[in-house]
Amino acid sequence: MDTTTEGFILANKFRKAVFVEVATGEHSPKRIAKKHHLVPQMVDSAVGDLKEKDVLAEKEGSLVLTDFGEKVYADMRSQDVL
């Protein structure tokens, strides 16, 4: 378990929203922003933060979890923190 990364994600509602949406199948920052009534720039910033932590990646124009991101998501789900 990587508690540092988990804490980083949970410490910001924008990062958490983006992380959960991508983990559950949403791949478009525009749709994430619209669904959560967020300013698109905030979503873009959260995406950048999560990419820096190697949790998210962009593949063929879509957001996806990295292998590390999938592990973090599984750990967070098993601990019921999401």
Protein backbone atom coordinates (compact mmCIF):
# COMPACT_ATOMS: atom_id res chain seq x y z
CA MET A 1 0.00 0.00 0.00
CA ASP A 2 1.25 3.48 -0.85
CA THR A 3 -0.29 5.73 1.80
CA THR A 4 1.58 8.79 0.50
CA THR A 5 -0.10 8.56 -2.88
CA GLU A 6 -3.46 7.72 -1.33
CA GLY A 7 -3.22 10.75 0.94
CA PHE A 8 -2.22 12.91 -2.03
CA ILE A 9 -5.33 11.83 -3.93
CA LEU A 10 -7.72 12.18 -0.99
CA ALA A 11 -6.35 15.57 0.08
CA ASN A 12 -7.89 17.30 -2.94
CA LYS A 13 -11.50 16.87 -4.05
CA PHE A 14 -10.60 17.49 -7.70
CA ARG A 15 -7.87 14.83 -7.73
CA LYS A 16 -10.17 12.40 -5.95
CA ALA A 17 -13.04 13.01 -8.40
CA VAL A 18 -10.79 12.58 -11.44
CA PHE A 19 -9.11 9.48 -10.00
CA VAL A 20 -12.40 7.77 -9.15
CA GLU A 21 -13.99 8.66 -12.49
CA VAL A 22 -11.07 7.29 -14.49
CA ALA A 23 -10.90 4.19 -12.29
CA THR A 24 -14.58 3.50 -12.91
CA GLY A 25 -14.43 3.93 -16.65
CA GLU A 26 -14.65 7.61 -17.58
CA HIS A 27 -11.85 8.64 -19.91
CA SER A 28 -12.71 12.24 -20.87
CA PRO A 29 -11.65 15.23 -18.76
CA LYS A 30 -14.47 17.26 -20.37
CA ARG A 31 -17.12 14.77 -19.26
CA ILE A 32 -15.62 14.55 -15.77
CA ALA A 33 -15.78 18.34 -15.45
CA LYS A 34 -19.36 18.44 -16.69
CA LYS A 35 -20.53 15.55 -14.50
CA HIS A 36 -19.09 17.11 -11.33
CA HIS A 37 -19.84 20.73 -12.31
CA LEU A 38 -16.15 21.59 -12.16
CA VAL A 39 -14.15 24.21 -14.01
CA PRO A 40 -12.30 22.36 -16.80
CA GLN A 41 -8.99 23.98 -15.81
CA MET A 42 -9.29 22.45 -12.34
CA VAL A 43 -9.80 19.01 -13.87
CA ASP A 44 -6.82 19.57 -16.15
CA SER A 45 -4.72 20.58 -13.15
CA ALA A 46 -5.80 17.47 -11.23
CA VAL A 47 -5.00 15.31 -14.25
CA GLY A 48 -1.52 16.87 -14.40
CA ASP A 49 -0.98 16.21 -10.69
CA LEU A 50 -2.05 12.59 -11.04
CA LYS A 51 0.15 12.09 -14.09
CA GLU A 52 3.14 13.44 -12.14
CA LYS A 53 2.49 10.82 -9.44
CA ASP A 54 2.33 8.12 -12.15
CA VAL A 55 -1.27 7.29 -11.30
CA LEU A 56 -2.81 8.39 -14.61
CA ALA A 57 -1.60 8.29 -18.18
CA GLU A 58 -3.01 9.33 -21.50
CA LYS A 59 -3.46 6.60 -24.07
CA GLU A 60 -4.81 7.37 -27.52
CA GLY A 61 -6.37 10.61 -26.25
CA SER A 62 -8.10 8.96 -23.27
CA LEU A 63 -7.23 8.97 -19.60
CA VAL A 64 -6.36 5.60 -18.10
CA LEU A 65 -4.96 4.35 -14.83
CA THR A 66 -1.37 3.19 -14.92
CA ASP A 67 -0.51 -0.19 -13.41
CA PHE A 68 0.50 1.71 -10.26
CA GLY A 69 -2.80 3.63 -10.35
CA GLU A 70 -4.75 0.39 -10.56
CA LYS A 71 -2.89 -0.93 -7.52
CA VAL A 72 -3.59 2.27 -5.57
CA TYR A 73 -7.28 2.10 -6.52
CA ALA A 74 -7.52 -1.56 -5.45
CA ASP A 75 -5.84 -0.75 -2.12
CA MET A 76 -8.16 2.20 -1.50
CA ARG A 77 -11.25 0.15 -2.36
CA SER A 78 -10.18 -2.70 -0.07
CA GLN A 79 -9.75 -0.22 2.78
CA ASP A 80 -13.12 1.37 1.93
CA VAL A 81 -11.68 4.90 1.75
CA LEU A 82 -13.40 5.70 -1.54
